[in-house]
Amino acid sequence: MNLGAIRSRCKTRFRDLSGVLVTDATWNAHINEGIREMIAASPHWPFLEGTANLVITPPSNSVNLPTDVWKVLAVHNLTDEYAMDEMTGRRSRFDQYPSVSVIQGYPEEYRLLGRQLQVLPFPTVATTVTIEYSVSPADLAADGDLPVFPAQYHQALVYYALACAMEDDEKRADHYNRRYVATLEKMRADLLSARGDSYPSINDNFF
């Protein structure tokens, strides 16, 4: 369901189709709060993982990050085929590359500066790097916007928004909150139960 469909379900269940008691803006705020709550329930959601190929073209050594990047997890130099190391510490760049603009070669290290990825040494040819990162989803704003997680769990947002809207009716708010939590737990079980490393058992028949 998109934002408009989720809000419509909320208004139908709340029996306020005209929005007299709860405005569309308030429903949208409840829905987006629900999305943030669901995302915060685990740092390992597969739908929060992203990859992108970025091209760094000489004489520059930097490139803008995608707008949905929250945290860069790994960088791979695809052109020269090796994993890159993150440069940590503000002084490292000056200690290791005092004349950074004239030091050229195969980029081996990267650092993040604002919304840019910088590589060092400066590349001598156009270099493609692959980044793996955690996604930072934007709030839903337009009626056609979709939640970042799979559609079969979108109903949880209806339950969450209704629980918020009915906070003055403790019994009904508790009812919808319990349904929200049950849907969230199902999503957790479905999406995270197989995320751990698993190895085949080895039978030792030597003796």
C-alpha atoms as a PDB file:
ATOM      1  CA  MET A   1       0.000   0.000   0.000  1.00  0.00           C
ATOM      2  CA  ASN A   2       1.102   3.535  -0.661  1.00  0.00           C
ATOM      3  CA  LEU A   3       0.683   6.423   1.756  1.00  0.00           C
ATOM      4  CA  GLY A   4      -2.725   7.381   0.383  1.00  0.00           C
ATOM      5  CA  ALA A   5      -4.060   3.825   0.728  1.00  0.00           C
ATOM      6  CA  ILE A   6      -2.718   3.439   4.274  1.00  0.00           C
ATOM      7  CA  ARG A   7      -4.274   6.743   5.318  1.00  0.00           C
ATOM      8  CA  SER A   8      -7.594   5.764   3.695  1.00  0.00           C
ATOM      9  CA  ARG A   9      -7.701   2.551   5.717  1.00  0.00           C
ATOM     10  CA  CYS A  10      -7.003   4.500   8.881  1.00  0.00           C
ATOM     11  CA  LYS A  11      -9.810   6.953   8.172  1.00  0.00           C
ATOM     12  CA  THR A  12     -12.249   4.130   7.376  1.00  0.00           C
ATOM     13  CA  ARG A  13     -11.517   2.253  10.593  1.00  0.00           C
ATOM     14  CA  PHE A  14     -11.619   5.492  12.556  1.00  0.00           C
ATOM     15  CA  ARG A  15     -14.971   6.299  10.902  1.00  0.00           C
ATOM     16  CA  ASP A  16     -13.849   9.788   9.985  1.00  0.00           C
ATOM     17  CA  LEU A  17     -13.650   9.782   6.187  1.00  0.00           C
ATOM     18  CA  SER A  18     -14.024  13.565   5.995  1.00  0.00           C
ATOM     19  CA  GLY A  19     -11.046  14.182   8.297  1.00  0.00           C
ATOM     20  CA  VAL A  20     -12.974  16.247  10.817  1.00  0.00           C
ATOM     21  CA  LEU A  21     -11.437  14.599  13.881  1.00  0.00           C
ATOM     22  CA  VAL A  22      -8.007  13.710  12.490  1.00  0.00           C
ATOM     23  CA  THR A  23      -6.481  15.622   9.577  1.00  0.00           C
ATOM     24  CA  ASP A  24      -4.563  14.005   6.725  1.00  0.00           C
ATOM     25  CA  ALA A  25      -1.388  15.694   7.975  1.00  0.00           C
ATOM     26  CA  THR A  26      -1.842  14.089  11.393  1.00  0.00           C
ATOM     27  CA  TRP A  27      -2.436  10.647   9.856  1.00  0.00           C
ATOM     28  CA  ASN A  28       0.699  11.094   7.748  1.00  0.00           C
ATOM     29  CA  ALA A  29       2.686  12.009  10.862  1.00  0.00           C
ATOM     30  CA  HIS A  30       1.424   8.905  12.709  1.00  0.00           C
ATOM     31  CA  ILE A  31       2.248   6.679   9.714  1.00  0.00           C
ATOM     32  CA  ASN A  32       5.777   8.057   9.346  1.00  0.00           C
ATOM     33  CA  GLU A  33       6.336   7.689  13.079  1.00  0.00           C
ATOM     34  CA  GLY A  34       5.298   4.057  12.723  1.00  0.00           C
ATOM     35  CA  ILE A  35       7.811   3.526   9.933  1.00  0.00           C
ATOM     36  CA  ARG A  36      10.589   4.978  12.092  1.00  0.00           C
ATOM     37  CA  GLU A  37       9.561   2.734  14.992  1.00  0.00           C
ATOM     38  CA  MET A  38       9.622  -0.367  12.786  1.00  0.00           C
ATOM     39  CA  ILE A  39      13.001   0.528  11.300  1.00  0.00           C
ATOM     40  CA  ALA A  40      14.424   1.111  14.796  1.00  0.00           C
ATOM     41  CA  ALA A  41      13.300  -2.378  15.852  1.00  0.00           C
ATOM     42  CA  SER A  42      16.419  -3.922  14.251  1.00  0.00           C
ATOM     43  CA  PRO A  43      19.679  -2.728  12.680  1.00  0.00           C
ATOM     44  CA  HIS A  44      19.716  -5.801  10.420  1.00  0.00           C
ATOM     45  CA  TRP A  45      16.668  -5.295   8.201  1.00  0.00           C
ATOM     46  CA  PRO A  46      17.607  -6.456   4.679  1.00  0.00           C
ATOM     47  CA  PHE A  47      15.587  -3.616   3.128  1.00  0.00           C
ATOM     48  CA  LEU A  48      17.977  -1.124   4.745  1.00  0.00           C
ATOM     49  CA  GLU A  49      20.970  -2.415   2.776  1.00  0.00           C
ATOM     50  CA  GLY A  50      22.102  -0.653  -0.379  1.00  0.00           C
ATOM     51  CA  THR A  51      24.889  -0.787  -2.952  1.00  0.00           C
ATOM     52  CA  ALA A  52      25.964   1.706  -5.582  1.00  0.00           C
ATOM     53  CA  ASN A  53      28.721   2.106  -8.158  1.00  0.00           C
ATOM     54  CA  LEU A  54      30.337   5.561  -8.150  1.00  0.00           C
ATOM     55  CA  VAL A  55      32.773   6.892 -10.752  1.00  0.00           C
ATOM     56  CA  ILE A  56      35.627   9.181  -9.717  1.00  0.00           C
ATOM     57  CA  THR A  57      37.062  11.104 -12.642  1.00  0.00           C
ATOM     58  CA  PRO A  58      40.520  12.759 -12.561  1.00  0.00           C
ATOM     59  CA  PRO A  59      41.663  15.326 -11.643  1.00  0.00           C
ATOM     60  CA  SER A  60      39.121  14.978  -8.822  1.00  0.00           C
ATOM     61  CA  ASN A  61      39.462  12.430  -6.018  1.00  0.00           C
ATOM     62  CA  SER A  62      35.909  12.762  -4.692  1.00  0.00           C
ATOM     63  CA  VAL A  63      32.338  11.922  -5.608  1.00  0.00           C
ATOM     64  CA  ASN A  64      28.955  12.703  -4.061  1.00  0.00           C
ATOM     65  CA  LEU A  65      27.258   9.948  -2.079  1.00  0.00           C
ATOM     66  CA  PRO A  66      23.736   8.792  -3.010  1.00  0.00           C
ATOM     67  CA  THR A  67      21.067  10.767  -1.169  1.00  0.00           C
ATOM     68  CA  ASP A  68      19.778   7.729   0.763  1.00  0.00           C
ATOM     69  CA  VAL A  69      23.153   6.823   2.344  1.00  0.00           C
ATOM     70  CA  TRP A  70      23.072   6.805   6.128  1.00  0.00           C
ATOM     71  CA  LYS A  71      26.323   4.937   6.859  1.00  0.00           C
ATOM     72  CA  VAL A  72      29.003   3.584   4.501  1.00  0.00           C
ATOM     73  CA  LEU A  73      29.913   0.014   5.472  1.00  0.00           C
ATOM     74  CA  ALA A  74      32.510  -0.954   2.852  1.00  0.00           C
ATOM     75  CA  VAL A  75      34.172   0.381  -0.299  1.00  0.00           C
ATOM     76  CA  HIS A  76      35.625  -1.735  -3.116  1.00  0.00           C
ATOM     77  CA  ASN A  77      37.842  -0.410  -5.911  1.00  0.00           C
ATOM     78  CA  LEU A  78      36.118  -2.102  -8.847  1.00  0.00           C
ATOM     79  CA  THR A  79      38.554  -0.778 -11.440  1.00  0.00           C
ATOM     80  CA  ASP A  80      41.690  -2.122  -9.729  1.00  0.00           C
ATOM     81  CA  GLU A  81      39.856  -5.002  -8.020  1.00  0.00           C
ATOM     82  CA  TYR A  82      40.589  -4.707  -4.318  1.00  0.00           C
ATOM     83  CA  ALA A  83      38.900  -3.696  -1.096  1.00  0.00           C
ATOM     84  CA  MET A  84      39.750  -0.220   0.160  1.00  0.00           C
ATOM     85  CA  ASP A  85      40.654   0.724   3.728  1.00  0.00           C
ATOM     86  CA  GLU A  86      38.947   3.539   5.570  1.00  0.00           C
ATOM     87  CA  MET A  87      41.216   6.374   6.622  1.00  0.00           C
ATOM     88  CA  THR A  88      40.382   7.302  10.187  1.00  0.00           C
ATOM     89  CA  GLY A  89      41.434  10.347  12.176  1.00  0.00           C
ATOM     90  CA  ARG A  90      41.428  13.920  10.951  1.00  0.00           C
ATOM     91  CA  ARG A  91      45.240  14.167  10.863  1.00  0.00           C
ATOM     92  CA  SER A  92      45.760  10.977   8.851  1.00  0.00           C
ATOM     93  CA  ARG A  93      45.147  12.609   5.508  1.00  0.00           C
ATOM     94  CA  PHE A  94      47.787  15.280   6.173  1.00  0.00           C
ATOM     95  CA  ASP A  95      50.262  12.917   7.848  1.00  0.00           C
ATOM     96  CA  GLN A  96      50.165  10.356   5.031  1.00  0.00           C
ATOM     97  CA  TYR A  97      49.524  12.678   2.090  1.00  0.00           C
ATOM     98  CA  PRO A  98      51.098  16.074   2.889  1.00  0.00           C
ATOM     99  CA  SER A  99      51.008  17.148  -0.759  1.00  0.00           C
ATOM    100  CA  VAL A 100      47.821  15.339  -1.561  1.00  0.00           C
ATOM    101  CA  SER A 101      47.109  17.019  -4.896  1.00  0.00           C
ATOM    102  CA  VAL A 102      50.324  15.744  -6.478  1.00  0.00           C
ATOM    103  CA  ILE A 103      50.247  12.213  -5.063  1.00  0.00           C
ATOM    104  CA  GLN A 104      48.709   9.961  -7.689  1.00  0.00           C
ATOM    105  CA  GLY A 105      48.330   6.241  -8.047  1.00  0.00           C
ATOM    106  CA  TYR A 106      45.877   3.438  -7.396  1.00  0.00           C
ATOM    107  CA  PRO A 107      43.329   4.577  -4.789  1.00  0.00           C
ATOM    108  CA  GLU A 108      43.808   2.384  -1.715  1.00  0.00           C
ATOM    109  CA  GLU A 109      42.062   4.361   1.038  1.00  0.00           C
ATOM    110  CA  TYR A 110      38.876   6.337   1.391  1.00  0.00           C
ATOM    111  CA  ARG A 111      37.438   8.827   3.815  1.00  0.00           C
ATOM    112  CA  LEU A 112      34.043  10.478   4.208  1.00  0.00           C
ATOM    113  CA  LEU A 113      33.766  14.244   4.265  1.00  0.00           C
ATOM    114  CA  GLY A 114      30.250  15.595   4.535  1.00  0.00           C
ATOM    115  CA  ARG A 115      28.225  13.978   1.767  1.00  0.00           C
ATOM    116  CA  GLN A 116      31.287  13.073  -0.272  1.00  0.00           C
ATOM    117  CA  LEU A 117      33.496  10.015  -0.613  1.00  0.00           C
ATOM    118  CA  GLN A 118      37.182  10.871  -1.108  1.00  0.00           C
ATOM    119  CA  VAL A 119      39.849   8.397  -2.237  1.00  0.00           C
ATOM    120  CA  LEU A 120      43.623   8.539  -1.891  1.00  0.00           C
ATOM    121  CA  PRO A 121      45.983   8.612  -3.661  1.00  0.00           C
ATOM    122  CA  PHE A 122      44.388  10.633  -6.439  1.00  0.00           C
ATOM    123  CA  PRO A 123      43.375   8.299  -9.303  1.00  0.00           C
ATOM    124  CA  THR A 124      45.148   8.727 -12.651  1.00  0.00           C
ATOM    125  CA  VAL A 125      42.251   7.225 -14.617  1.00  0.00           C
ATOM    126  CA  ALA A 126      38.489   7.160 -14.147  1.00  0.00           C
ATOM    127  CA  THR A 127      37.952   4.781 -11.244  1.00  0.00           C
ATOM    128  CA  THR A 128      34.749   2.980 -10.319  1.00  0.00           C
ATOM    129  CA  VAL A 129      34.169   2.110  -6.680  1.00  0.00           C
ATOM    130  CA  THR A 130      31.350   0.033  -5.242  1.00  0.00           C
ATOM    131  CA  ILE A 131      29.987   1.094  -1.872  1.00  0.00           C
ATOM    132  CA  GLU A 132      27.861  -0.963   0.494  1.00  0.00           C
ATOM    133  CA  TYR A 133      25.825   1.147   2.879  1.00  0.00           C
ATOM    134  CA  SER A 134      22.934   1.410   5.279  1.00  0.00           C
ATOM    135  CA  VAL A 135      19.915   3.213   3.867  1.00  0.00           C
ATOM    136  CA  SER A 136      18.207   6.183   5.498  1.00  0.00           C
ATOM    137  CA  PRO A 137      14.637   6.141   4.142  1.00  0.00           C
ATOM    138  CA  ALA A 138      12.905   9.473   3.648  1.00  0.00           C
ATOM    139  CA  ASP A 139       9.496  10.127   5.200  1.00  0.00           C
ATOM    140  CA  LEU A 140       6.479   9.384   3.029  1.00  0.00           C
ATOM    141  CA  ALA A 141       5.145  12.674   1.660  1.00  0.00           C
ATOM    142  CA  ALA A 142       3.206  12.117  -1.578  1.00  0.00           C
ATOM    143  CA  ASP A 143       0.183   9.813  -1.622  1.00  0.00           C
ATOM    144  CA  GLY A 144       1.985   7.498  -4.055  1.00  0.00           C
ATOM    145  CA  ASP A 145       5.030   7.015  -1.798  1.00  0.00           C
ATOM    146  CA  LEU A 146       5.609   3.458  -0.579  1.00  0.00           C
ATOM    147  CA  PRO A 147       7.079   2.252   2.747  1.00  0.00           C
ATOM    148  CA  VAL A 148      10.565   0.802   2.422  1.00  0.00           C
ATOM    149  CA  PHE A 149       9.643  -2.637   3.792  1.00  0.00           C
ATOM    150  CA  PRO A 150       7.631  -5.414   2.029  1.00  0.00           C
ATOM    151  CA  ALA A 151       3.941  -4.829   1.285  1.00  0.00           C
ATOM    152  CA  GLN A 152       2.640  -7.718   3.392  1.00  0.00           C
ATOM    153  CA  TYR A 153       3.636  -5.790   6.537  1.00  0.00           C
ATOM    154  CA  HIS A 154       2.184  -2.388   5.598  1.00  0.00           C
ATOM    155  CA  GLN A 155      -0.934  -3.139   7.640  1.00  0.00           C
ATOM    156  CA  ALA A 156       1.220  -2.641  10.748  1.00  0.00           C
ATOM    157  CA  LEU A 157       1.255   1.078   9.926  1.00  0.00           C
ATOM    158  CA  VAL A 158      -2.529   1.180   9.959  1.00  0.00           C
ATOM    159  CA  TYR A 159      -2.540  -0.413  13.419  1.00  0.00           C
ATOM    160  CA  TYR A 160       0.185   1.941  14.678  1.00  0.00           C
ATOM    161  CA  ALA A 161      -1.552   5.084  13.386  1.00  0.00           C
ATOM    162  CA  LEU A 162      -4.902   3.997  14.832  1.00  0.00           C
ATOM    163  CA  ALA A 163      -3.306   3.312  18.221  1.00  0.00           C
ATOM    164  CA  CYS A 164      -1.885   6.847  18.172  1.00  0.00           C
ATOM    165  CA  ALA A 165      -5.173   8.417  17.115  1.00  0.00           C
ATOM    166  CA  MET A 166      -7.093   6.533  19.833  1.00  0.00           C
ATOM    167  CA  GLU A 167      -4.754   7.313  22.700  1.00  0.00           C
ATOM    168  CA  ASP A 168      -7.682   8.765  24.682  1.00  0.00           C
ATOM    169  CA  ASP A 169      -9.506   5.423  24.403  1.00  0.00           C
ATOM    170  CA  GLU A 170      -7.121   3.129  26.281  1.00  0.00           C
ATOM    171  CA  LYS A 171      -8.911  -0.096  25.429  1.00  0.00           C
ATOM    172  CA  ARG A 172      -9.066   0.485  21.669  1.00  0.00           C
ATOM    173  CA  ALA A 173      -5.553   1.943  21.562  1.00  0.00           C
ATOM    174  CA  ASP A 174      -4.234  -1.153  23.337  1.00  0.00           C
ATOM    175  CA  HIS A 175      -6.093  -3.392  20.875  1.00  0.00           C
ATOM    176  CA  TYR A 176      -4.441  -1.775  17.852  1.00  0.00           C
ATOM    177  CA  ASN A 177      -1.057  -1.550  19.544  1.00  0.00           C
ATOM    178  CA  ARG A 178      -1.116  -5.310  20.179  1.00  0.00           C
ATOM    179  CA  ARG A 179      -1.961  -5.939  16.529  1.00  0.00           C
ATOM    180  CA  TYR A 180       0.879  -3.624  15.483  1.00  0.00           C
ATOM    181  CA  VAL A 181       3.361  -5.466  17.715  1.00  0.00           C
ATOM    182  CA  ALA A 182       2.179  -8.865  16.411  1.00  0.00           C
ATOM    183  CA  THR A 183       2.704  -7.769  12.794  1.00  0.00           C
ATOM    184  CA  LEU A 184       6.117  -6.328  13.629  1.00  0.00           C
ATOM    185  CA  GLU A 185       7.149  -9.587  15.315  1.00  0.00           C
ATOM    186  CA  LYS A 186       6.017 -11.554  12.268  1.00  0.00           C
ATOM    187  CA  MET A 187       8.122  -9.306  10.043  1.00  0.00           C
ATOM    188  CA  ARG A 188      11.074  -9.804  12.362  1.00  0.00           C
ATOM    189  CA  ALA A 189      10.642 -13.586  12.278  1.00  0.00           C
ATOM    190  CA  ASP A 190      10.148 -13.718   8.506  1.00  0.00           C
ATOM    191  CA  LEU A 191      12.987 -11.399   7.504  1.00  0.00           C
ATOM    192  CA  LEU A 192      15.628 -11.962  10.185  1.00  0.00           C
ATOM    193  CA  SER A 193      15.381 -15.638  11.114  1.00  0.00           C
ATOM    194  CA  ALA A 194      17.543 -16.765   8.193  1.00  0.00           C
ATOM    195  CA  ARG A 195      20.019 -13.884   8.278  1.00  0.00           C
ATOM    196  CA  GLY A 196      22.661 -15.617  10.431  1.00  0.00           C
ATOM    197  CA  ASP A 197      25.533 -17.567   8.974  1.00  0.00           C
ATOM    198  CA  SER A 198      24.787 -21.247   8.679  1.00  0.00           C
ATOM    199  CA  TYR A 199      27.285 -23.971   7.874  1.00  0.00           C
ATOM    200  CA  PRO A 200      26.606 -27.591   6.825  1.00  0.00           C
ATOM    201  CA  SER A 201      27.373 -30.191   9.467  1.00  0.00           C
ATOM    202  CA  ILE A 202      30.456 -32.306   8.880  1.00  0.00           C
ATOM    203  CA  ASN A 203      30.339 -35.962   9.857  1.00  0.00           C
ATOM    204  CA  ASP A 204      33.703 -37.272  10.975  1.00  0.00           C
ATOM    205  CA  ASN A 205      33.934 -40.869   9.718  1.00  0.00           C
ATOM    206  CA  PHE A 206      37.687 -41.148   9.954  1.00  0.00           C
ATOM    207  CA  PHE A 207      37.622 -43.803  12.702  1.00  0.00           C
END
